[in-house]
């Protein structure tokens, strides 16, 4: 395996891990979602 291919694979894995970590972080957040649209105001607790 060439060095460039190895570096690309490591980069892709790093991006995947960062994306999965961000997704997990967003799912774990607790709080209140407030949405204002043409139907009025919606408040949802997570």
PDB file of N, CA and C in Angstrom:
ATOM      1  N   UNK A   1       0.859  -1.171   0.000  1.00  0.00           N
ATOM      2  CA  UNK A   1       0.000   0.000   0.000  1.00  0.00           C
ATOM      3  C   UNK A   1       0.905   1.234   0.000  1.00  0.00           C
ATOM      4  N   UNK A   2       0.614   2.184  -0.854  1.00  0.00           N
ATOM      5  CA  UNK A   2       1.452   3.374  -0.928  1.00  0.00           C
ATOM      6  C   UNK A   2       1.176   4.290   0.256  1.00  0.00           C
ATOM      7  N   UNK A   3       2.137   5.140   0.513  1.00  0.00           N
ATOM      8  CA  UNK A   3       2.023   6.051   1.656  1.00  0.00           C
ATOM      9  C   UNK A   3       0.858   7.027   1.474  1.00  0.00           C
ATOM     10  N   UNK A   4       0.659   7.518   0.249  1.00  0.00           N
ATOM     11  CA  UNK A   4      -0.430   8.466   0.002  1.00  0.00           C
ATOM     12  C   UNK A   4      -1.790   7.824   0.266  1.00  0.00           C
ATOM     13  N   UNK A   5      -1.967   6.589  -0.156  1.00  0.00           N
ATOM     14  CA  UNK A   5      -3.229   5.891   0.071  1.00  0.00           C
ATOM     15  C   UNK A   5      -3.462   5.698   1.569  1.00  0.00           C
ATOM     16  N   UNK A   6      -2.406   5.364   2.291  1.00  0.00           N
ATOM     17  CA  UNK A   6      -2.520   5.192   3.732  1.00  0.00           C
ATOM     18  C   UNK A   6      -2.929   6.503   4.412  1.00  0.00           C
ATOM     19  N   UNK A   7      -2.344   7.615   3.984  1.00  0.00           N
ATOM     20  CA  UNK A   7      -2.697   8.919   4.553  1.00  0.00           C
ATOM     21  C   UNK A   7      -4.144   9.291   4.236  1.00  0.00           C
ATOM     22  N   UNK A   8      -4.600   8.957   3.034  1.00  0.00           N
ATOM     23  CA  UNK A   8      -5.991   9.236   2.664  1.00  0.00           C
ATOM     24  C   UNK A   8      -6.934   8.408   3.523  1.00  0.00           C
ATOM     25  N   UNK A   9      -6.625   7.139   3.726  1.00  0.00           N
ATOM     26  CA  UNK A   9      -7.471   6.283   4.562  1.00  0.00           C
ATOM     27  C   UNK A   9      -7.523   6.787   5.996  1.00  0.00           C
ATOM     28  N   UNK A  10      -6.383   7.217   6.535  1.00  0.00           N
ATOM     29  CA  UNK A  10      -6.362   7.767   7.895  1.00  0.00           C
ATOM     30  C   UNK A  10      -7.196   9.042   7.957  1.00  0.00           C
ATOM     31  N   UNK A  11      -7.110   9.881   6.929  1.00  0.00           N
ATOM     32  CA  UNK A  11      -7.905  11.103   6.878  1.00  0.00           C
ATOM     33  C   UNK A  11      -9.396  10.816   6.833  1.00  0.00           C
ATOM     34  N   UNK A  12      -9.790   9.839   6.020  1.00  0.00           N
ATOM     35  CA  UNK A  12     -11.206   9.476   5.918  1.00  0.00           C
ATOM     36  C   UNK A  12     -11.712   8.932   7.251  1.00  0.00           C
ATOM     37  N   UNK A  13     -10.927   8.087   7.894  1.00  0.00           N
ATOM     38  CA  UNK A  13     -11.321   7.560   9.206  1.00  0.00           C
ATOM     39  C   UNK A  13     -11.442   8.671  10.234  1.00  0.00           C
ATOM     40  N   UNK A  14     -10.527   9.628  10.212  1.00  0.00           N
ATOM     41  CA  UNK A  14     -10.582  10.749  11.153  1.00  0.00           C
ATOM     42  C   UNK A  14     -11.851  11.573  10.936  1.00  0.00           C
ATOM     43  N   UNK A  15     -12.188  11.847   9.684  1.00  0.00           N
ATOM     44  CA  UNK A  15     -13.404  12.613   9.382  1.00  0.00           C
ATOM     45  C   UNK A  15     -14.640  11.853   9.846  1.00  0.00           C
ATOM     46  N   UNK A  16     -14.669  10.548   9.635  1.00  0.00           N
ATOM     47  CA  UNK A  16     -15.801   9.730  10.080  1.00  0.00           C
ATOM     48  C   UNK A  16     -15.932   9.754  11.599  1.00  0.00           C
ATOM     49  N   UNK A  17     -14.817   9.649  12.299  1.00  0.00           N
ATOM     50  CA  UNK A  17     -14.863   9.677  13.763  1.00  0.00           C
ATOM     51  C   UNK A  17     -15.323  11.032  14.280  1.00  0.00           C
ATOM     52  N   UNK A  18     -14.857  12.099  13.659  1.00  0.00           N
ATOM     53  CA  UNK A  18     -15.278  13.439  14.078  1.00  0.00           C
ATOM     54  C   UNK A  18     -16.772  13.617  13.818  1.00  0.00           C
ATOM     55  N   UNK A  19     -17.253  13.160  12.662  1.00  0.00           N
ATOM     56  CA  UNK A  19     -18.676  13.253  12.346  1.00  0.00           C
ATOM     57  C   UNK A  19     -19.528  12.454  13.310  1.00  0.00           C
ATOM     58  N   UNK A  20     -19.090  11.243  13.634  1.00  0.00           N
ATOM     59  CA  UNK A  20     -19.840  10.410  14.576  1.00  0.00           C
ATOM     60  C   UNK A  20     -19.836  11.032  15.966  1.00  0.00           C
ATOM     61  N   UNK A  21     -18.716  11.593  16.372  1.00  0.00           N
ATOM     62  CA  UNK A  21     -18.638  12.255  17.675  1.00  0.00           C
ATOM     63  C   UNK A  21     -19.548  13.467  17.751  1.00  0.00           C
ATOM     64  N   UNK A  22     -19.600  14.253  16.681  1.00  0.00           N
ATOM     65  CA  UNK A  22     -20.479  15.417  16.654  1.00  0.00           C
ATOM     66  C   UNK A  22     -21.942  14.992  16.711  1.00  0.00           C
ATOM     67  N   UNK A  23     -22.297  13.956  15.951  1.00  0.00           N
ATOM     68  CA  UNK A  23     -23.659  13.454  15.955  1.00  0.00           C
ATOM     69  C   UNK A  23     -24.050  12.973  17.352  1.00  0.00           C
ATOM     70  N   UNK A  24     -23.156  12.234  18.004  1.00  0.00           N
ATOM     71  CA  UNK A  24     -23.411  11.745  19.359  1.00  0.00           C
ATOM     72  C   UNK A  24     -23.577  12.913  20.326  1.00  0.00           C
ATOM     73  N   UNK A  25     -22.741  13.926  20.186  1.00  0.00           N
ATOM     74  CA  UNK A  25     -22.824  15.114  21.043  1.00  0.00           C
ATOM     75  C   UNK A  25     -24.170  15.811  20.868  1.00  0.00           C
ATOM     76  N   UNK A  26     -24.622  15.968  19.637  1.00  0.00           N
ATOM     77  CA  UNK A  26     -25.901  16.621  19.377  1.00  0.00           C
ATOM     78  C   UNK A  26     -27.064  15.810  19.938  1.00  0.00           C
ATOM     79  N   UNK A  27     -26.990  14.494  19.870  1.00  0.00           N
ATOM     80  CA  UNK A  27     -28.046  13.652  20.403  1.00  0.00           C
ATOM     81  C   UNK A  27     -28.113  13.710  21.921  1.00  0.00           C
ATOM     82  N   UNK A  28     -26.985  13.936  22.571  1.00  0.00           N
ATOM     83  CA  UNK A  28     -26.923  13.948  24.029  1.00  0.00           C
ATOM     84  C   UNK A  28     -27.329  15.295  24.627  1.00  0.00           C
ATOM     85  N   UNK A  29     -27.414  16.322  23.817  1.00  0.00           N
ATOM     86  CA  UNK A  29     -27.767  17.645  24.319  1.00  0.00           C
ATOM     87  C   UNK A  29     -29.198  17.643  24.847  1.00  0.00           C
ATOM     88  N   UNK A  30     -29.375  18.226  25.992  1.00  0.00           N
ATOM     89  CA  UNK A  30     -30.731  18.380  26.513  1.00  0.00           C
ATOM     90  C   UNK A  30     -31.030  19.867  26.567  1.00  0.00           C
ATOM     91  N   UNK A  31     -32.260  20.190  26.362  1.00  0.00           N
ATOM     92  CA  UNK A  31     -32.637  21.586  26.363  1.00  0.00           C
ATOM     93  C   UNK A  31     -34.015  21.769  25.779  1.00  0.00           C
ATOM     94  N   UNK A  32     -34.260  22.966  25.319  1.00  0.00           N
ATOM     95  CA  UNK A  32     -35.562  23.318  24.774  1.00  0.00           C
ATOM     96  C   UNK A  32     -35.373  23.823  23.351  1.00  0.00           C
ATOM     97  N   UNK A  33     -36.180  23.309  22.433  1.00  0.00           N
ATOM     98  CA  UNK A  33     -36.206  23.801  21.063  1.00  0.00           C
ATOM     99  C   UNK A  33     -37.389  24.740  20.914  1.00  0.00           C
ATOM    100  N   UNK A  34     -37.115  25.954  20.467  1.00  0.00           N
ATOM    101  CA  UNK A  34     -38.169  26.940  20.232  1.00  0.00           C
ATOM    102  C   UNK A  34     -38.204  27.220  18.737  1.00  0.00           C
ATOM    103  N   UNK A  35     -39.358  27.008  18.143  1.00  0.00           N
ATOM    104  CA  UNK A  35     -39.520  27.221  16.704  1.00  0.00           C
ATOM    105  C   UNK A  35     -40.633  28.227  16.476  1.00  0.00           C
ATOM    106  N   UNK A  36     -40.335  29.238  15.675  1.00  0.00           N
ATOM    107  CA  UNK A  36     -41.338  30.252  15.328  1.00  0.00           C
ATOM    108  C   UNK A  36     -41.528  30.207  13.817  1.00  0.00           C
ATOM    109  N   UNK A  37     -42.765  29.928  13.388  1.00  0.00           N
ATOM    110  CA  UNK A  37     -43.054  29.875  11.956  1.00  0.00           C
ATOM    111  C   UNK A  37     -44.453  30.422  11.707  1.00  0.00           C
ATOM    112  N   UNK A  38     -44.967  30.198  10.515  1.00  0.00           N
ATOM    113  CA  UNK A  38     -46.279  30.750  10.160  1.00  0.00           C
ATOM    114  C   UNK A  38     -47.417  30.134  10.955  1.00  0.00           C
ATOM    115  N   UNK A  39     -47.175  28.979  11.602  1.00  0.00           N
ATOM    116  CA  UNK A  39     -48.203  28.317  12.404  1.00  0.00           C
ATOM    117  C   UNK A  39     -48.191  28.764  13.859  1.00  0.00           C
ATOM    118  N   UNK A  40     -47.229  29.586  14.227  1.00  0.00           N
ATOM    119  CA  UNK A  40     -47.130  30.068  15.611  1.00  0.00           C
ATOM    120  C   UNK A  40     -45.809  29.671  16.234  1.00  0.00           C
ATOM    121  N   UNK A  41     -45.844  29.558  17.555  1.00  0.00           N
ATOM    122  CA  UNK A  41     -44.646  29.233  18.318  1.00  0.00           C
ATOM    123  C   UNK A  41     -44.774  27.809  18.841  1.00  0.00           C
ATOM    124  N   UNK A  42     -43.711  27.023  18.654  1.00  0.00           N
ATOM    125  CA  UNK A  42     -43.666  25.652  19.160  1.00  0.00           C
ATOM    126  C   UNK A  42     -42.492  25.534  20.110  1.00  0.00           C
ATOM    127  N   UNK A  43     -42.735  25.000  21.289  1.00  0.00           N
ATOM    128  CA  UNK A  43     -41.678  24.774  22.279  1.00  0.00           C
ATOM    129  C   UNK A  43     -41.663  23.294  22.613  1.00  0.00           C
ATOM    130  N   UNK A  44     -40.502  22.663  22.385  1.00  0.00           N
ATOM    131  CA  UNK A  44     -40.357  21.235  22.654  1.00  0.00           C
ATOM    132  C   UNK A  44     -39.164  21.019  23.567  1.00  0.00           C
ATOM    133  N   UNK A  45     -39.348  20.166  24.576  1.00  0.00           N
ATOM    134  CA  UNK A  45     -38.238  19.789  25.441  1.00  0.00           C
ATOM    135  C   UNK A  45     -37.612  18.507  24.944  1.00  0.00           C
ATOM    136  N   UNK A  46     -36.277  18.438  25.034  1.00  0.00           N
ATOM    137  CA  UNK A  46     -35.579  17.228  24.589  1.00  0.00           C
ATOM    138  C   UNK A  46     -35.435  16.256  25.707  1.00  0.00           C
TER     139      UNK A  46
END
